[in-house]
């Protein structure tokens, strides 16, 4: 289980909304300042110069109470927030400034606020562990510690000084600080100090180089994560746009197919009308020719003589043909034009 959840200082959960998490980060800075003031208040209370500002306890309690109430209002899962931040609830309830705690109880409840500092140092410890695993930095620190302690022991033996003075001299010499409060007085001590300066500075450069590489690498990893997130969002947008384009193309193809079918049907009807009109015209010409031939062959028909005529059918302009033509025209031109 997460240590921050177990201690009740988890803060706003990462699954909450962006607004809740952003407001939670703002309150984390305010709470960090309040914790620093509480620490100074506790330390100075054991000195001759304690902080004696009457409204300070109300201000500190107001910061913790505001964080609890505002975050509780913004988060979606309030039960989870209360469960993961039970210590904040306890601090707001029992460390109220109007409750007359005195003696050791006041010190206990005031010190209880310092536990919230775990929320901030946990991420720092995570970065420290990553730094120690990177480029064998942990082994380098162990070697650096052995160098300081070993050089301090040699300096203490050569100069006949306490071991703590030797370790202090080795530390300030290797880190190139050089306070000057502890210096070698013998020739052997000066020779050893010169060797320690040369090799100690070289070894200390490894420590600073690894630390610098970690800081630069953190910024680079952050930039890489941002670029990767941007690429993923771009891929999602392109995939969505491709799907929309496919749907649009399908819609256009369907509409074009329907329009082509409609135009084909309309063209077919026009051709039927044209064929029908052509057939009507041909029948009319045949009837006219037949009538003229009959008139020229029998100019003087005897009274009462009946000549049998060949049945050529009804006239193309008789009532049935005209009705059929009008019906076709109505079917062709009664529909509205769908062309856009």
Protein backbone atom coordinates (compact mmCIF):
# COMPACT_ATOMS: atom_id res chain seq x y z
CA UNK A 1 0.00 0.00 0.00
CA UNK A 2 1.18 3.54 -0.67
CA UNK A 3 2.96 5.12 2.32
CA UNK A 4 1.22 8.47 1.85
CA UNK A 5 -2.18 6.76 1.81
CA UNK A 6 -1.27 4.82 4.95
CA UNK A 7 -0.22 8.00 6.76
CA UNK A 8 -3.27 9.89 5.51
CA UNK A 9 -1.36 12.56 3.56
CA UNK A 10 -1.99 11.42 -0.05
CA UNK A 11 -3.61 14.65 -1.26
CA UNK A 12 -5.79 14.76 -4.39
CA UNK A 13 -5.85 11.48 -6.30
CA UNK A 14 -4.44 11.39 -9.83
CA UNK A 15 -7.76 10.10 -11.21
CA UNK A 16 -9.57 13.29 -10.21
CA UNK A 17 -10.36 16.11 -12.63
CA UNK A 18 -7.70 18.52 -13.88
CA UNK A 19 -9.27 21.39 -11.96
CA UNK A 20 -9.20 19.47 -8.66
CA UNK A 21 -5.58 18.43 -9.17
CA UNK A 22 -4.44 21.95 -10.13
CA UNK A 23 -6.16 23.51 -7.10
CA UNK A 24 -4.70 20.73 -4.95
CA UNK A 25 -1.18 21.60 -6.14
CA UNK A 26 -1.73 25.25 -5.21
CA UNK A 27 -2.78 24.25 -1.69
CA UNK A 28 0.25 21.96 -1.43
CA UNK A 29 2.51 25.01 -1.72
CA UNK A 30 0.48 26.87 0.90
CA UNK A 31 0.58 23.85 3.22
CA UNK A 32 4.35 23.54 2.69
CA UNK A 33 4.82 27.15 3.83
CA UNK A 34 2.54 26.52 6.81
CA UNK A 35 4.54 23.40 7.77
CA UNK A 36 7.76 25.42 7.61
CA UNK A 37 6.25 28.03 9.93
CA UNK A 38 5.10 25.27 12.31
CA UNK A 39 8.63 23.83 12.34
CA UNK A 40 10.15 27.22 13.14
CA UNK A 41 7.50 27.76 15.81
CA UNK A 42 8.36 24.46 17.47
CA UNK A 43 12.13 24.99 17.32
CA UNK A 44 12.01 28.56 18.57
CA UNK A 45 9.67 27.60 21.40
CA UNK A 46 12.67 25.91 23.08
CA UNK A 47 14.82 29.03 22.77
CA UNK A 48 14.70 32.42 24.41
CA UNK A 49 13.12 33.93 21.29
CA UNK A 50 9.83 32.13 20.65
CA UNK A 51 7.27 33.33 18.10
CA UNK A 52 4.56 35.09 20.10
CA UNK A 53 2.14 36.23 17.41
CA UNK A 54 -1.41 35.69 18.68
CA UNK A 55 -3.10 35.18 15.30
CA UNK A 56 -0.48 32.79 13.90
CA UNK A 57 -2.28 29.64 15.11
CA UNK A 58 -5.53 30.81 13.49
CA UNK A 59 -3.76 31.49 10.19
CA UNK A 60 -2.02 28.10 10.18
CA UNK A 61 -5.22 26.26 11.06
CA UNK A 62 -7.07 28.23 8.38
CA UNK A 63 -4.62 27.03 5.73
CA UNK A 64 -5.14 23.36 6.66
CA UNK A 65 -8.91 23.78 6.96
CA UNK A 66 -9.16 25.60 3.62
CA UNK A 67 -7.18 22.84 1.88
CA UNK A 68 -9.47 20.15 3.31
CA UNK A 69 -12.76 21.92 2.53
CA UNK A 70 -11.87 23.20 -0.96
CA UNK A 71 -10.43 19.88 -2.11
CA UNK A 72 -13.40 18.04 -0.62
CA UNK A 73 -15.70 20.30 -2.63
CA UNK A 74 -13.82 19.84 -5.93
CA UNK A 75 -13.07 16.11 -5.91
CA UNK A 76 -15.58 13.63 -7.33
CA UNK A 77 -14.89 10.73 -4.99
CA UNK A 78 -15.16 12.39 -1.55
CA UNK A 79 -15.02 9.15 0.41
CA UNK A 80 -11.69 8.24 -1.21
CA UNK A 81 -10.30 11.71 -0.46
CA UNK A 82 -11.32 11.48 3.21
CA UNK A 83 -9.88 7.96 3.47
CA UNK A 84 -6.56 8.94 1.88
CA UNK A 85 -6.30 12.20 3.90
CA UNK A 86 -7.57 11.14 7.30
CA UNK A 87 -4.66 12.91 9.01
CA UNK A 88 -5.72 16.26 7.54
CA UNK A 89 -9.20 15.71 8.96
CA UNK A 90 -7.69 14.87 12.35
CA UNK A 91 -5.47 17.98 12.29
CA UNK A 92 -8.39 20.26 11.45
CA UNK A 93 -10.55 18.75 14.19
CA UNK A 94 -8.16 18.40 17.14
CA UNK A 95 -5.65 21.19 16.40
CA UNK A 96 -8.21 24.00 16.27
CA UNK A 97 -6.78 27.09 17.97
CA UNK A 98 -9.83 27.63 20.22
CA UNK A 99 -9.44 24.21 21.88
CA UNK A 100 -7.55 24.86 25.14
CA UNK A 101 -4.82 22.23 24.83
CA UNK A 102 -1.92 22.77 27.19
CA UNK A 103 1.36 21.18 28.10
CA UNK A 104 2.45 18.07 26.23
CA UNK A 105 -0.87 17.69 24.37
CA UNK A 106 -0.46 21.07 22.72
CA UNK A 107 3.04 20.07 21.62
CA UNK A 108 1.81 16.72 20.29
CA UNK A 109 -1.02 18.15 18.22
CA UNK A 110 1.16 20.98 16.96
CA UNK A 111 3.84 18.50 15.93
CA UNK A 112 1.23 16.36 14.22
CA UNK A 113 1.13 18.85 11.37
CA UNK A 114 4.74 18.04 10.53
CA UNK A 115 3.70 14.57 9.37
CA UNK A 116 2.18 16.27 6.30
CA UNK A 117 5.75 16.95 5.23
CA UNK A 118 5.87 13.30 4.10
CA UNK A 119 3.64 14.30 1.16
CA UNK A 120 6.42 16.50 -0.23
CA UNK A 121 9.54 14.48 0.64
CA UNK A 122 8.15 11.20 -0.76
CA UNK A 123 8.54 12.39 -4.35
CA UNK A 124 11.98 13.73 -3.43
CA UNK A 125 13.03 10.33 -2.08
CA UNK A 126 11.76 8.74 -5.29
CA UNK A 127 14.05 11.03 -7.30
CA UNK A 128 16.94 10.26 -4.94
CA UNK A 129 16.48 6.52 -5.47
CA UNK A 130 16.46 7.00 -9.23
CA UNK A 131 19.63 9.09 -8.92
CA UNK A 132 21.37 6.41 -6.86
CA UNK A 133 20.50 3.74 -9.43
CA UNK A 134 21.71 5.86 -12.33
CA UNK A 135 25.32 5.36 -13.50
CA UNK A 136 26.22 3.58 -10.23
CA UNK A 137 25.83 6.83 -8.36
CA UNK A 138 25.09 4.94 -5.14
CA UNK A 139 28.40 3.13 -5.35
CA UNK A 140 30.17 6.42 -6.00
CA UNK A 141 28.60 7.93 -2.87
CA UNK A 142 29.67 4.91 -0.81
CA UNK A 143 33.21 5.28 -2.15
CA UNK A 144 33.12 9.01 -1.39
CA UNK A 145 32.07 8.27 2.19
CA UNK A 146 34.90 5.76 2.63
CA UNK A 147 37.34 8.32 1.20
CA UNK A 148 36.24 11.03 3.65
CA UNK A 149 36.33 8.74 6.68
CA UNK A 150 39.60 7.08 5.65
CA UNK A 151 41.30 10.41 4.90
CA UNK A 152 40.01 11.76 8.20
CA UNK A 153 41.53 8.81 10.05
CA UNK A 154 44.90 9.28 8.32
CA UNK A 155 44.87 13.02 9.05
CA UNK A 156 44.00 12.32 12.68
CA UNK A 157 46.94 9.87 12.93
CA UNK A 158 49.44 12.16 11.21
CA UNK A 159 48.46 15.32 13.07
CA UNK A 160 47.53 13.65 16.34
CA UNK A 161 44.10 15.26 16.32
CA UNK A 162 40.64 13.91 17.23
CA UNK A 163 38.96 11.79 14.56
CA UNK A 164 36.13 14.29 14.18
CA UNK A 165 38.66 17.00 13.26
CA UNK A 166 40.20 14.67 10.68
CA UNK A 167 36.84 13.88 9.06
CA UNK A 168 35.93 17.56 9.05
CA UNK A 169 39.27 18.46 7.42
CA UNK A 170 38.86 15.74 4.75
CA UNK A 171 35.31 16.83 3.96
CA UNK A 172 36.01 20.54 3.55
CA UNK A 173 39.19 19.77 1.58
CA UNK A 174 37.60 17.35 -0.90
CA UNK A 175 34.60 19.64 -1.47
CA UNK A 176 37.01 22.60 -2.01
CA UNK A 177 35.31 24.59 0.75
CA UNK A 178 38.35 25.01 2.98
CA UNK A 179 37.12 26.85 6.09
CA UNK A 180 40.65 27.01 7.50
CA UNK A 181 39.65 26.19 11.08
CA UNK A 182 41.45 22.83 10.90
CA UNK A 183 44.81 22.87 9.06
CA UNK A 184 47.83 20.53 8.97
CA UNK A 185 50.75 21.72 11.10
CA UNK A 186 53.37 19.08 10.29
CA UNK A 187 55.24 18.40 7.05
CA UNK A 188 53.64 14.98 6.74
CA UNK A 189 50.21 16.51 7.24
CA UNK A 190 50.80 19.10 4.49
CA UNK A 191 52.00 16.41 2.04
CA UNK A 192 48.95 14.31 2.82
CA UNK A 193 46.73 17.38 2.40
CA UNK A 194 48.19 18.05 -1.07
CA UNK A 195 47.56 14.45 -2.19
CA UNK A 196 44.04 14.62 -0.74
CA UNK A 197 43.31 17.85 -2.63
CA UNK A 198 44.39 16.39 -5.99
CA UNK A 199 42.65 13.02 -5.77
CA UNK A 200 39.74 14.21 -3.65
CA UNK A 201 38.74 16.94 -6.11
CA UNK A 202 38.90 14.44 -8.98
CA UNK A 203 36.67 12.02 -7.08
CA UNK A 204 34.25 14.76 -6.03
CA UNK A 205 33.92 15.77 -9.70
CA UNK A 206 32.35 12.37 -10.35
CA UNK A 207 29.67 13.12 -7.76
CA UNK A 208 28.83 16.56 -9.15
CA UNK A 209 28.91 15.27 -12.75
CA UNK A 210 26.42 12.48 -11.95
CA UNK A 211 24.17 14.90 -10.11
CA UNK A 212 24.25 17.39 -13.01
CA UNK A 213 23.54 14.60 -15.50
CA UNK A 214 20.54 13.56 -13.42
CA UNK A 215 19.11 17.09 -13.42
CA UNK A 216 19.65 17.50 -17.17
CA UNK A 217 18.26 14.02 -17.80
CA UNK A 218 15.13 14.83 -15.77
CA UNK A 219 14.41 17.84 -17.97
CA UNK A 220 15.14 15.78 -21.08
CA UNK A 221 12.80 12.98 -19.95
CA UNK A 222 10.10 15.53 -19.23
CA UNK A 223 10.53 16.99 -22.71
CA UNK A 224 10.44 13.51 -24.24
CA UNK A 225 7.21 12.72 -22.37
CA UNK A 226 5.65 15.95 -23.63
CA UNK A 227 6.70 15.16 -27.21
CA UNK A 228 5.39 11.61 -26.87
CA UNK A 229 2.05 12.84 -25.54
CA UNK A 230 1.82 15.34 -28.39
CA UNK A 231 2.55 12.60 -30.95
CA UNK A 232 -0.10 10.35 -29.41
CA UNK A 233 -2.69 13.13 -29.43
CA UNK A 234 -1.79 13.90 -33.05
CA UNK A 235 -2.23 10.24 -33.98
CA UNK A 236 -5.64 10.19 -32.32
CA UNK A 237 -6.69 13.36 -34.15
CA UNK A 238 -5.46 11.97 -37.49
CA UNK A 239 -7.25 8.66 -36.90
CA UNK A 240 -10.48 10.48 -36.06
CA UNK A 241 -10.08 12.73 -39.09
CA UNK A 242 -9.44 9.68 -41.31
CA UNK A 243 -12.63 8.04 -40.07
CA UNK A 244 -14.59 11.24 -40.68
CA UNK A 245 -13.13 11.50 -44.19
CA UNK A 246 -14.07 7.90 -44.97
CA UNK A 247 -17.62 8.52 -43.80
CA UNK A 248 -17.78 11.69 -45.89
CA UNK A 249 -16.47 9.87 -48.98
CA UNK A 250 -18.97 7.06 -48.45
CA UNK A 251 -21.76 9.61 -48.18
CA UNK A 252 -20.63 11.31 -51.39
CA UNK A 253 -20.38 7.97 -53.23
CA UNK A 254 -23.85 6.93 -52.04
CA UNK A 255 -25.34 10.24 -53.11
CA UNK A 256 -23.56 10.04 -56.49
CA UNK A 257 -24.81 6.49 -57.03
CA UNK A 258 -28.35 7.50 -56.23
CA UNK A 259 -28.08 10.51 -58.54
CA UNK A 260 -26.66 8.36 -61.36
CA UNK A 261 -29.47 5.83 -60.93
CA UNK A 262 -32.04 8.61 -61.03
CA UNK A 263 -30.50 10.15 -64.14
CA UNK A 264 -30.30 6.72 -65.81
CA UNK A 265 -33.97 6.09 -65.09
CA UNK A 266 -34.89 9.53 -66.39
CA UNK A 267 -32.83 9.01 -69.55
CA UNK A 268 -34.53 5.67 -70.09
CA UNK A 269 -37.92 7.33 -69.87
CA UNK A 270 -36.87 10.03 -72.32
CA UNK A 271 -35.75 7.33 -74.74
CA UNK A 272 -39.07 5.52 -74.37
CA UNK A 273 -40.89 8.76 -75.07
CA UNK A 274 -38.67 9.40 -78.09
CA UNK A 275 -39.29 5.89 -79.46
CA UNK A 276 -43.01 6.22 -78.88
CA UNK A 277 -43.17 9.59 -80.63
CA UNK A 278 -41.12 8.20 -83.52
CA UNK A 279 -43.45 5.24 -83.81
CA UNK A 280 -46.44 7.57 -83.74
CA UNK A 281 -44.95 9.68 -86.51
CA UNK A 282 -44.24 6.61 -88.66
CA UNK A 283 -47.83 5.35 -88.28
CA UNK A 284 -49.11 8.77 -89.21
CA UNK A 285 -47.02 8.76 -92.40
CA UNK A 286 -48.23 5.23 -93.30
CA UNK A 287 -51.88 6.20 -92.81
CA UNK A 288 -51.47 9.34 -94.91
CA UNK A 289 -49.85 7.35 -97.76
CA UNK A 290 -52.58 4.71 -97.65
CA UNK A 291 -55.31 7.33 -97.77
CA UNK A 292 -53.74 9.06 -100.78
CA UNK A 293 -53.35 5.75 -102.65
CA UNK A 294 -56.95 4.79 -102.04
CA UNK A 295 -58.15 8.17 -103.24
CA UNK A 296 -56.16 7.91 -106.53
CA UNK A 297 -57.24 4.29 -107.35
CA UNK A 298 -60.99 4.85 -106.97
CA UNK A 299 -61.83 8.44 -108.03
CA UNK A 300 -65.37 7.60 -108.94
CA UNK A 301 -66.88 5.13 -106.61
CA UNK A 302 -70.24 3.77 -107.67
CA UNK A 303 -73.16 4.62 -105.48
CA UNK A 304 -73.82 1.98 -102.91
CA UNK A 305 -70.52 0.09 -103.72
CA UNK A 306 -68.72 -0.84 -100.67
CA UNK A 307 -65.01 -1.27 -100.73
CA UNK A 308 -63.46 -3.19 -97.94
CA UNK A 309 -60.61 -1.31 -96.37
CA UNK A 310 -57.76 -2.87 -94.60
CA UNK A 311 -57.82 -2.26 -90.84
CA UNK A 312 -54.65 -0.42 -89.91
CA UNK A 313 -55.67 0.23 -86.39
CA UNK A 314 -56.62 3.42 -84.67
CA UNK A 315 -55.06 6.74 -85.54
CA UNK A 316 -51.86 7.65 -83.64
CA UNK A 317 -53.62 10.78 -82.53
CA UNK A 318 -56.77 9.02 -81.44
CA UNK A 319 -57.89 9.21 -77.87
CA UNK A 320 -56.02 6.09 -76.54
CA UNK A 321 -52.65 7.22 -77.97
CA UNK A 322 -53.04 10.77 -76.73
CA UNK A 323 -53.95 9.53 -73.27
CA UNK A 324 -50.88 7.22 -73.14
CA UNK A 325 -48.59 10.07 -74.30
CA UNK A 326 -49.95 12.45 -71.69
CA UNK A 327 -49.54 9.77 -69.01
CA UNK A 328 -45.85 9.29 -69.91
CA UNK A 329 -45.24 13.05 -69.93
CA UNK A 330 -46.85 13.38 -66.53
CA UNK A 331 -44.64 10.61 -65.12
CA UNK A 332 -41.50 12.21 -66.54
CA UNK A 333 -42.07 15.83 -65.65
CA UNK A 334 -44.18 15.62 -62.52
CA UNK A 335 -41.15 14.61 -60.33
CA UNK A 336 -39.10 17.51 -58.86
CA UNK A 337 -35.56 17.99 -60.14
CA UNK A 338 -33.04 16.71 -57.55
CA UNK A 339 -29.95 18.10 -59.14
CA UNK A 340 -27.95 20.33 -56.80
